[in-house]
Amino acid sequence: MFDSGERVVARQALAELEHAIHTLQTLAVGRLGDDDVLDLIRDVESVKRRLATVDHAVINEVERRRLAAERGCTSTVTLLVQLLRLPPTEAGERVRAAAALGQRQALTGEVLPAIFQATAAASAAGSISARHAAIITHLIDRLPPAVQAELDTTVEAILLEHAHQLDPRTLAC
């Protein structure tokens, strides 16, 4: 269960987030100027993208604790499908993203950085979408092992540079 202090912090943060969402939902967007509307949509997208890093941390903890098996599910994907009513493809994408972009834990308990550290940082900053991140990690994973071992961070940096300028479909080409 939650450490009581962490549980209080999590509940308080979620309450503040709920309040902020309610405030934005009741905002008189029609009264904003054109540039303000464009700034708002850009800022909302950035915040939505940053929330993925919370998802990564929680999913990785679900995996670490093997909560799916404890709940009678064959995998974390199956658990997410049932618990969150997600389509299996989306649940699978979230689990893969968490594995690639979330912090990891060694068998000794030591916290390890994300496999794709630069992509994880860009995701945490809200500067790329989950789809951008999935394309980057997928493309690098498809490289031959020898190329991955030598050039993975270089390829990641190049793809990230393009992800900041291109939509995901174009990046994938």
C-alpha atoms as a PDB file:
ATOM      1  CA  MET A   1       0.000   0.000   0.000  1.00  0.00           C
ATOM      2  CA  PHE A   2       1.015   3.653  -0.170  1.00  0.00           C
ATOM      3  CA  ASP A   3       3.412   5.107   2.332  1.00  0.00           C
ATOM      4  CA  SER A   4       0.943   7.378   4.109  1.00  0.00           C
ATOM      5  CA  GLY A   5       2.970  10.505   3.259  1.00  0.00           C
ATOM      6  CA  GLU A   6       3.212   9.571  -0.407  1.00  0.00           C
ATOM      7  CA  ARG A   7      -0.484   8.724  -0.493  1.00  0.00           C
ATOM      8  CA  VAL A   8      -1.358  12.182   0.862  1.00  0.00           C
ATOM      9  CA  VAL A   9       0.954  13.864  -1.664  1.00  0.00           C
ATOM     10  CA  ALA A  10      -0.553  11.846  -4.541  1.00  0.00           C
ATOM     11  CA  ARG A  11      -4.131  12.615  -3.468  1.00  0.00           C
ATOM     12  CA  GLN A  12      -3.358  16.312  -3.016  1.00  0.00           C
ATOM     13  CA  ALA A  13      -1.638  16.558  -6.407  1.00  0.00           C
ATOM     14  CA  LEU A  14      -4.579  14.839  -8.109  1.00  0.00           C
ATOM     15  CA  ALA A  15      -7.035  17.178  -6.360  1.00  0.00           C
ATOM     16  CA  GLU A  16      -5.038  20.185  -7.569  1.00  0.00           C
ATOM     17  CA  LEU A  17      -4.954  18.751 -11.079  1.00  0.00           C
ATOM     18  CA  GLU A  18      -8.722  18.178 -10.980  1.00  0.00           C
ATOM     19  CA  HIS A  19      -9.203  21.798  -9.885  1.00  0.00           C
ATOM     20  CA  ALA A  20      -6.950  23.086 -12.670  1.00  0.00           C
ATOM     21  CA  ILE A  21      -8.828  20.996 -15.249  1.00  0.00           C
ATOM     22  CA  HIS A  22     -12.161  22.326 -13.981  1.00  0.00           C
ATOM     23  CA  THR A  23     -10.844  25.884 -14.241  1.00  0.00           C
ATOM     24  CA  LEU A  24      -9.753  25.300 -17.841  1.00  0.00           C
ATOM     25  CA  GLN A  25     -13.067  23.622 -18.694  1.00  0.00           C
ATOM     26  CA  THR A  26     -14.996  26.670 -17.525  1.00  0.00           C
ATOM     27  CA  LEU A  27     -12.658  29.184 -19.166  1.00  0.00           C
ATOM     28  CA  ALA A  28     -14.352  31.615 -21.534  1.00  0.00           C
ATOM     29  CA  VAL A  29     -12.117  30.661 -24.466  1.00  0.00           C
ATOM     30  CA  GLY A  30     -14.217  32.814 -26.798  1.00  0.00           C
ATOM     31  CA  ARG A  31     -12.951  35.926 -25.031  1.00  0.00           C
ATOM     32  CA  LEU A  32      -9.309  35.145 -25.788  1.00  0.00           C
ATOM     33  CA  GLY A  33      -7.446  36.706 -28.685  1.00  0.00           C
ATOM     34  CA  ASP A  34      -6.264  34.591 -31.603  1.00  0.00           C
ATOM     35  CA  ASP A  35      -2.680  34.310 -30.354  1.00  0.00           C
ATOM     36  CA  ASP A  36      -3.923  33.468 -26.857  1.00  0.00           C
ATOM     37  CA  VAL A  37      -6.090  30.644 -28.236  1.00  0.00           C
ATOM     38  CA  LEU A  38      -3.108  29.217 -30.121  1.00  0.00           C
ATOM     39  CA  ASP A  39      -0.873  29.555 -27.047  1.00  0.00           C
ATOM     40  CA  LEU A  40      -3.510  27.835 -24.920  1.00  0.00           C
ATOM     41  CA  ILE A  41      -3.889  24.840 -27.220  1.00  0.00           C
ATOM     42  CA  ARG A  42      -0.092  24.495 -27.460  1.00  0.00           C
ATOM     43  CA  ASP A  43       0.289  24.700 -23.667  1.00  0.00           C
ATOM     44  CA  VAL A  44      -2.536  22.224 -23.008  1.00  0.00           C
ATOM     45  CA  GLU A  45      -0.912  19.763 -25.425  1.00  0.00           C
ATOM     46  CA  SER A  46       2.436  20.127 -23.677  1.00  0.00           C
ATOM     47  CA  VAL A  47       0.863  19.411 -20.282  1.00  0.00           C
ATOM     48  CA  LYS A  48      -1.023  16.378 -21.655  1.00  0.00           C
ATOM     49  CA  ARG A  49       2.228  15.025 -23.075  1.00  0.00           C
ATOM     50  CA  ARG A  50       4.009  15.470 -19.737  1.00  0.00           C
ATOM     51  CA  LEU A  51       1.389  13.369 -17.969  1.00  0.00           C
ATOM     52  CA  ALA A  52       2.682  10.342 -19.898  1.00  0.00           C
ATOM     53  CA  THR A  53       5.740  10.287 -17.625  1.00  0.00           C
ATOM     54  CA  VAL A  54       3.456   9.722 -14.625  1.00  0.00           C
ATOM     55  CA  ASP A  55       1.831   6.869 -16.539  1.00  0.00           C
ATOM     56  CA  HIS A  56       5.283   5.371 -17.185  1.00  0.00           C
ATOM     57  CA  ALA A  57       6.220   5.443 -13.502  1.00  0.00           C
ATOM     58  CA  VAL A  58       2.952   3.887 -12.362  1.00  0.00           C
ATOM     59  CA  ILE A  59       2.920   1.195 -15.058  1.00  0.00           C
ATOM     60  CA  ASN A  60       6.515   0.254 -14.275  1.00  0.00           C
ATOM     61  CA  GLU A  61       5.561  -0.061 -10.607  1.00  0.00           C
ATOM     62  CA  VAL A  62       2.609  -2.276 -11.561  1.00  0.00           C
ATOM     63  CA  GLU A  63       5.062  -4.426 -13.527  1.00  0.00           C
ATOM     64  CA  ARG A  64       7.660  -4.472 -10.721  1.00  0.00           C
ATOM     65  CA  ARG A  65       5.073  -5.602  -8.179  1.00  0.00           C
ATOM     66  CA  ARG A  66       3.550  -8.134 -10.606  1.00  0.00           C
ATOM     67  CA  LEU A  67       0.098  -6.787  -9.794  1.00  0.00           C
ATOM     68  CA  ALA A  68      -1.436  -8.280 -12.931  1.00  0.00           C
ATOM     69  CA  ALA A  69      -0.770 -11.831 -11.754  1.00  0.00           C
ATOM     70  CA  GLU A  70      -2.048 -10.991  -8.270  1.00  0.00           C
ATOM     71  CA  ARG A  71      -5.298  -9.834  -9.888  1.00  0.00           C
ATOM     72  CA  GLY A  72      -5.636 -12.950 -12.031  1.00  0.00           C
ATOM     73  CA  CYS A  73      -4.507 -11.301 -15.269  1.00  0.00           C
ATOM     74  CA  THR A  74      -1.996 -12.816 -17.665  1.00  0.00           C
ATOM     75  CA  SER A  75      -0.146  -9.520 -18.170  1.00  0.00           C
ATOM     76  CA  THR A  76      -0.070  -5.845 -17.310  1.00  0.00           C
ATOM     77  CA  VAL A  77      -1.626  -5.194 -20.710  1.00  0.00           C
ATOM     78  CA  THR A  78      -4.612  -7.376 -19.769  1.00  0.00           C
ATOM     79  CA  LEU A  79      -4.860  -5.648 -16.381  1.00  0.00           C
ATOM     80  CA  LEU A  80      -4.905  -2.196 -18.022  1.00  0.00           C
ATOM     81  CA  VAL A  81      -7.550  -3.339 -20.506  1.00  0.00           C
ATOM     82  CA  GLN A  82      -9.787  -4.459 -17.648  1.00  0.00           C
ATOM     83  CA  LEU A  83      -8.987  -1.744 -15.099  1.00  0.00           C
ATOM     84  CA  LEU A  84      -8.963   1.273 -17.430  1.00  0.00           C
ATOM     85  CA  ARG A  85     -11.220  -0.116 -20.188  1.00  0.00           C
ATOM     86  CA  LEU A  86      -8.518   0.497 -22.791  1.00  0.00           C
ATOM     87  CA  PRO A  87      -8.281  -1.168 -26.172  1.00  0.00           C
ATOM     88  CA  PRO A  88      -5.573  -3.863 -26.053  1.00  0.00           C
ATOM     89  CA  THR A  89      -3.428  -2.010 -28.603  1.00  0.00           C
ATOM     90  CA  GLU A  90      -3.389   1.160 -26.485  1.00  0.00           C
ATOM     91  CA  ALA A  91      -2.659  -0.790 -23.303  1.00  0.00           C
ATOM     92  CA  GLY A  92       0.227  -2.518 -25.070  1.00  0.00           C
ATOM     93  CA  GLU A  93       1.607   0.788 -26.330  1.00  0.00           C
ATOM     94  CA  ARG A  94       1.517   2.202 -22.803  1.00  0.00           C
ATOM     95  CA  VAL A  95       3.340  -0.786 -21.325  1.00  0.00           C
ATOM     96  CA  ARG A  96       6.003  -0.639 -24.076  1.00  0.00           C
ATOM     97  CA  ALA A  97       6.405   3.129 -23.580  1.00  0.00           C
ATOM     98  CA  ALA A  98       6.799   2.684 -19.830  1.00  0.00           C
ATOM     99  CA  ALA A  99       9.483   0.039 -20.367  1.00  0.00           C
ATOM    100  CA  ALA A 100      11.412   2.218 -22.823  1.00  0.00           C
ATOM    101  CA  LEU A 101      10.923   5.671 -21.293  1.00  0.00           C
ATOM    102  CA  GLY A 102      10.365   5.123 -17.586  1.00  0.00           C
ATOM    103  CA  GLN A 103      12.943   4.750 -14.861  1.00  0.00           C
ATOM    104  CA  ARG A 104      13.896   1.173 -14.155  1.00  0.00           C
ATOM    105  CA  GLN A 105      14.979  -0.662 -11.064  1.00  0.00           C
ATOM    106  CA  ALA A 106      17.899  -3.061 -10.824  1.00  0.00           C
ATOM    107  CA  LEU A 107      17.538  -6.323  -8.916  1.00  0.00           C
ATOM    108  CA  THR A 108      19.511  -4.633  -6.125  1.00  0.00           C
ATOM    109  CA  GLY A 109      16.859  -1.918  -5.904  1.00  0.00           C
ATOM    110  CA  GLU A 110      19.055   0.720  -7.532  1.00  0.00           C
ATOM    111  CA  VAL A 111      17.117   3.184  -9.694  1.00  0.00           C
ATOM    112  CA  LEU A 112      18.283   3.073 -13.302  1.00  0.00           C
ATOM    113  CA  PRO A 113      17.604   5.679 -15.991  1.00  0.00           C
ATOM    114  CA  ALA A 114      15.257   5.100 -18.899  1.00  0.00           C
ATOM    115  CA  ILE A 115      16.575   2.993 -21.756  1.00  0.00           C
ATOM    116  CA  PHE A 116      15.979   5.924 -24.114  1.00  0.00           C
ATOM    117  CA  GLN A 117      17.062   8.763 -21.848  1.00  0.00           C
ATOM    118  CA  ALA A 118      16.925  11.642 -24.336  1.00  0.00           C
ATOM    119  CA  THR A 119      13.511  10.614 -25.631  1.00  0.00           C
ATOM    120  CA  ALA A 120      12.273  10.227 -22.049  1.00  0.00           C
ATOM    121  CA  ALA A 121      13.513  13.744 -21.255  1.00  0.00           C
ATOM    122  CA  ALA A 122      11.777  15.203 -24.315  1.00  0.00           C
ATOM    123  CA  SER A 123       8.584  13.398 -23.337  1.00  0.00           C
ATOM    124  CA  ALA A 124       8.853  14.684 -19.753  1.00  0.00           C
ATOM    125  CA  ALA A 125       9.289  18.215 -21.108  1.00  0.00           C
ATOM    126  CA  GLY A 126       6.171  17.808 -23.248  1.00  0.00           C
ATOM    127  CA  SER A 127       8.058  18.666 -26.414  1.00  0.00           C
ATOM    128  CA  ILE A 128       7.241  15.422 -28.246  1.00  0.00           C
ATOM    129  CA  SER A 129       4.116  13.296 -28.330  1.00  0.00           C
ATOM    130  CA  ALA A 130       3.741   9.698 -27.204  1.00  0.00           C
ATOM    131  CA  ARG A 131       3.526   8.757 -30.887  1.00  0.00           C
ATOM    132  CA  HIS A 132       6.840  10.519 -31.625  1.00  0.00           C
ATOM    133  CA  ALA A 133       8.453   8.618 -28.739  1.00  0.00           C
ATOM    134  CA  ALA A 134       7.031   5.296 -29.925  1.00  0.00           C
ATOM    135  CA  ILE A 135       8.374   5.841 -33.424  1.00  0.00           C
ATOM    136  CA  ILE A 136      11.832   6.770 -32.135  1.00  0.00           C
ATOM    137  CA  THR A 137      12.090   3.766 -29.819  1.00  0.00           C
ATOM    138  CA  HIS A 138      10.688   1.405 -32.458  1.00  0.00           C
ATOM    139  CA  LEU A 139      13.124   2.594 -35.131  1.00  0.00           C
ATOM    140  CA  ILE A 140      16.108   2.219 -32.814  1.00  0.00           C
ATOM    141  CA  ASP A 141      14.921  -1.205 -31.623  1.00  0.00           C
ATOM    142  CA  ARG A 142      14.824  -2.338 -35.266  1.00  0.00           C
ATOM    143  CA  LEU A 143      18.497  -1.491 -35.836  1.00  0.00           C
ATOM    144  CA  PRO A 144      20.906  -4.425 -35.966  1.00  0.00           C
ATOM    145  CA  PRO A 145      22.374  -5.085 -32.484  1.00  0.00           C
ATOM    146  CA  ALA A 146      25.894  -4.022 -33.505  1.00  0.00           C
ATOM    147  CA  VAL A 147      24.587  -0.715 -34.867  1.00  0.00           C
ATOM    148  CA  GLN A 148      22.448  -0.194 -31.756  1.00  0.00           C
ATOM    149  CA  ALA A 149      25.402  -0.757 -29.468  1.00  0.00           C
ATOM    150  CA  GLU A 150      27.536   1.803 -31.276  1.00  0.00           C
ATOM    151  CA  LEU A 151      25.084   4.420 -32.534  1.00  0.00           C
ATOM    152  CA  ASP A 152      21.872   4.244 -30.509  1.00  0.00           C
ATOM    153  CA  THR A 153      22.320   7.621 -28.775  1.00  0.00           C
ATOM    154  CA  THR A 154      23.412   9.286 -32.024  1.00  0.00           C
ATOM    155  CA  VAL A 155      20.402   7.921 -33.904  1.00  0.00           C
ATOM    156  CA  GLU A 156      18.144   8.891 -30.998  1.00  0.00           C
ATOM    157  CA  ALA A 157      19.475  12.468 -31.056  1.00  0.00           C
ATOM    158  CA  ILE A 158      18.937  12.756 -34.816  1.00  0.00           C
ATOM    159  CA  LEU A 159      15.397  11.362 -34.600  1.00  0.00           C
ATOM    160  CA  LEU A 160      14.581  13.673 -31.677  1.00  0.00           C
ATOM    161  CA  GLU A 161      15.800  16.679 -33.628  1.00  0.00           C
ATOM    162  CA  HIS A 162      13.426  15.725 -36.440  1.00  0.00           C
ATOM    163  CA  ALA A 163      10.594  14.935 -33.991  1.00  0.00           C
ATOM    164  CA  HIS A 164      10.714  18.547 -32.802  1.00  0.00           C
ATOM    165  CA  GLN A 165       9.998  19.673 -36.364  1.00  0.00           C
ATOM    166  CA  LEU A 166       7.872  16.922 -37.929  1.00  0.00           C
ATOM    167  CA  ASP A 167       4.549  15.278 -37.209  1.00  0.00           C
ATOM    168  CA  PRO A 168       4.780  11.586 -36.220  1.00  0.00           C
ATOM    169  CA  ARG A 169       3.648  10.258 -39.607  1.00  0.00           C
ATOM    170  CA  THR A 170       6.359  12.174 -41.443  1.00  0.00           C
ATOM    171  CA  LEU A 171       8.958  11.182 -38.838  1.00  0.00           C
ATOM    172  CA  ALA A 172       8.139   7.509 -39.426  1.00  0.00           C
ATOM    173  CA  CYS A 173       8.846   7.754 -43.150  1.00  0.00           C
END
